[in-house]
Amino acid sequence: MRLPIPQRPTPQINVVSMVDVLFAILTFFIISSLSLSQTKGLPVNLPSAVSSQEQKQTKVIVSLNDRGELSVNSQVTLLGNLATQIQQTINQELRGKEAPSKGNPATIIINADEKSDHGRVIQIMDQVRKVPNIKIAIATKSR
């Protein structure tokens, strides 16, 4: 009498659990990369506005805190040097890219604390207007 030889099951790799692990790792990296992005500027308490809109292309952020300290992309500067500092920052940001023009102006965001002096903000805007081919935006937090 001849006995049948039992067939061994073919080995298989279960990829379902591996896909779950890869998605967990991908989720971790996405969330951690979002927390690494930082805005440039001094810490300020922004005023709120209902009609505020997000600016798509931010080139330069001018910050004014409640103590009157002024900075351009986190570099402390004086009011008299503001226009040249902004122009230098735009030139550094646009290396190898298209320079700002009437049709494609650079965006300068003024990030002023709500407790800062209104006259100081006007002085900053006056200095910023000396830079050619820009548009000015005032930073607010949405309500």
Protein backbone atom coordinates (compact mmCIF):
# COMPACT_ATOMS: atom_id res chain seq x y z
CA MET A 1 0.00 0.00 0.00
CA ARG A 2 1.30 3.30 -1.01
CA LEU A 3 0.67 6.32 1.19
CA PRO A 4 0.19 9.73 -0.42
CA ILE A 5 3.00 12.23 0.16
CA PRO A 6 1.60 15.25 1.98
CA GLN A 7 1.96 18.46 0.01
CA ARG A 8 3.75 21.26 1.83
CA PRO A 9 2.04 24.65 1.61
CA THR A 10 3.97 27.17 -0.41
CA PRO A 11 5.54 29.90 1.74
CA GLN A 12 3.86 33.30 1.49
CA ILE A 13 4.75 36.78 2.63
CA ASN A 14 1.93 38.71 4.23
CA VAL A 15 2.34 42.25 2.88
CA VAL A 16 -0.76 43.67 4.57
CA SER A 17 1.02 44.22 7.87
CA MET A 18 4.06 45.62 6.04
CA VAL A 19 1.86 48.17 4.25
CA ASP A 20 0.37 49.19 7.61
CA VAL A 21 3.83 49.76 9.04
CA LEU A 22 4.89 51.80 5.99
CA PHE A 23 1.79 54.01 6.27
CA ALA A 24 2.49 54.54 9.97
CA ILE A 25 6.08 55.58 9.19
CA LEU A 26 4.90 57.86 6.35
CA THR A 27 2.34 59.49 8.66
CA PHE A 28 5.03 60.07 11.28
CA PHE A 29 7.32 61.79 8.78
CA ILE A 30 4.54 63.97 7.36
CA ILE A 31 3.44 65.16 10.80
CA SER A 32 6.99 65.73 12.00
CA SER A 33 7.91 67.70 8.85
CA LEU A 34 4.89 69.96 9.36
CA SER A 35 6.06 70.83 12.86
CA LEU A 36 9.55 71.70 11.56
CA SER A 37 8.36 74.55 9.35
CA GLN A 38 8.82 77.87 11.08
CA THR A 39 7.87 81.39 10.23
CA LYS A 40 10.54 84.04 10.22
CA GLY A 41 10.11 87.04 12.45
CA LEU A 42 9.93 88.25 15.98
CA PRO A 43 7.21 86.91 18.24
CA VAL A 44 4.32 89.34 17.97
CA ASN A 45 0.70 89.36 19.07
CA LEU A 46 -1.11 89.96 15.77
CA PRO A 47 -4.40 91.83 15.58
CA SER A 48 -7.32 89.84 14.24
CA ALA A 49 -9.41 90.60 11.17
CA VAL A 50 -12.36 88.88 9.53
CA SER A 51 -11.34 89.82 5.98
CA SER A 52 -7.75 88.57 6.19
CA GLN A 53 -6.43 86.45 3.30
CA GLU A 54 -3.45 84.12 3.12
CA GLN A 55 -0.59 85.35 0.91
CA LYS A 56 0.70 82.73 -1.51
CA GLN A 57 4.29 83.87 -2.10
CA THR A 58 5.98 85.46 0.86
CA LYS A 59 9.44 86.73 0.14
CA VAL A 60 10.19 89.00 3.09
CA ILE A 61 8.64 89.39 6.55
CA VAL A 62 9.20 92.66 8.39
CA SER A 63 8.41 92.24 12.11
CA LEU A 64 7.79 94.87 14.76
CA ASN A 65 7.25 93.66 18.32
CA ASP A 66 5.63 95.48 21.23
CA ARG A 67 9.02 96.80 22.43
CA GLY A 68 9.63 98.52 19.07
CA GLU A 69 12.32 96.08 17.85
CA LEU A 70 12.39 95.78 14.06
CA SER A 71 13.59 92.77 12.08
CA VAL A 72 13.67 91.53 8.49
CA ASN A 73 13.37 87.73 8.29
CA SER A 74 14.59 87.41 11.91
CA GLN A 75 17.58 89.72 11.36
CA VAL A 76 17.37 92.76 13.62
CA THR A 77 17.71 96.04 11.73
CA LEU A 78 17.20 99.76 12.14
CA LEU A 79 14.49 101.82 10.47
CA GLY A 80 17.03 103.75 8.38
CA ASN A 81 18.50 100.50 6.99
CA LEU A 82 15.14 98.86 6.32
CA ALA A 83 14.87 99.50 2.55
CA THR A 84 18.42 98.28 1.82
CA GLN A 85 17.96 95.26 4.12
CA ILE A 86 14.75 94.30 2.28
CA GLN A 87 16.41 94.71 -1.12
CA GLN A 88 19.33 92.51 -0.03
CA THR A 89 16.95 89.88 1.32
CA ILE A 90 14.94 89.84 -1.92
CA ASN A 91 18.17 89.46 -3.92
CA GLN A 92 19.25 86.52 -1.73
CA GLU A 93 15.83 84.85 -1.98
CA LEU A 94 15.68 85.20 -5.77
CA ARG A 95 19.11 83.90 -6.75
CA GLY A 96 18.66 82.28 -10.13
CA LYS A 97 14.95 83.13 -10.24
CA GLU A 98 12.95 85.81 -11.97
CA ALA A 99 13.43 89.26 -10.45
CA PRO A 100 10.35 91.13 -9.20
CA SER A 101 8.60 93.25 -11.81
CA LYS A 102 5.35 95.20 -12.18
CA GLY A 103 3.53 92.03 -13.22
CA ASN A 104 5.23 89.83 -10.62
CA PRO A 105 5.93 91.94 -7.49
CA ALA A 106 7.61 90.61 -4.38
CA THR A 107 5.37 90.48 -1.31
CA ILE A 108 6.54 92.26 1.84
CA ILE A 109 4.51 91.26 4.90
CA ILE A 110 4.50 93.67 7.83
CA ASN A 111 4.09 91.62 10.98
CA ALA A 112 3.37 94.27 13.65
CA ASP A 113 2.26 93.61 17.22
CA GLU A 114 -1.20 94.93 18.00
CA LYS A 115 0.27 96.97 20.88
CA SER A 116 2.88 98.65 18.68
CA ASP A 117 2.64 102.34 17.87
CA HIS A 118 0.63 103.15 14.73
CA GLY A 119 3.06 105.91 13.78
CA ARG A 120 5.94 103.42 13.85
CA VAL A 121 4.05 101.10 11.47
CA ILE A 122 3.48 104.03 9.08
CA GLN A 123 7.21 104.84 9.21
CA ILE A 124 7.98 101.21 8.33
CA MET A 125 5.52 101.28 5.42
CA ASP A 126 7.11 104.51 4.19
CA GLN A 127 10.56 102.87 4.18
CA VAL A 128 9.24 99.69 2.53
CA ARG A 129 7.72 101.71 -0.34
CA LYS A 130 11.24 102.79 -1.33
CA VAL A 131 11.90 99.26 -2.59
CA PRO A 132 10.84 98.89 -6.26
CA ASN A 133 8.37 96.27 -7.54
CA ILE A 134 6.82 95.16 -4.27
CA LYS A 135 3.40 94.90 -2.74
CA ILE A 136 2.78 95.34 0.96
CA ALA A 137 0.61 93.09 3.10
CA ILE A 138 -0.27 93.50 6.77
CA ALA A 139 -0.24 90.28 8.79
CA THR A 140 -3.30 89.46 10.92
CA LYS A 141 -4.70 86.39 12.56
CA SER A 142 -8.09 85.22 11.39
CA ARG A 143 -10.98 85.28 13.84
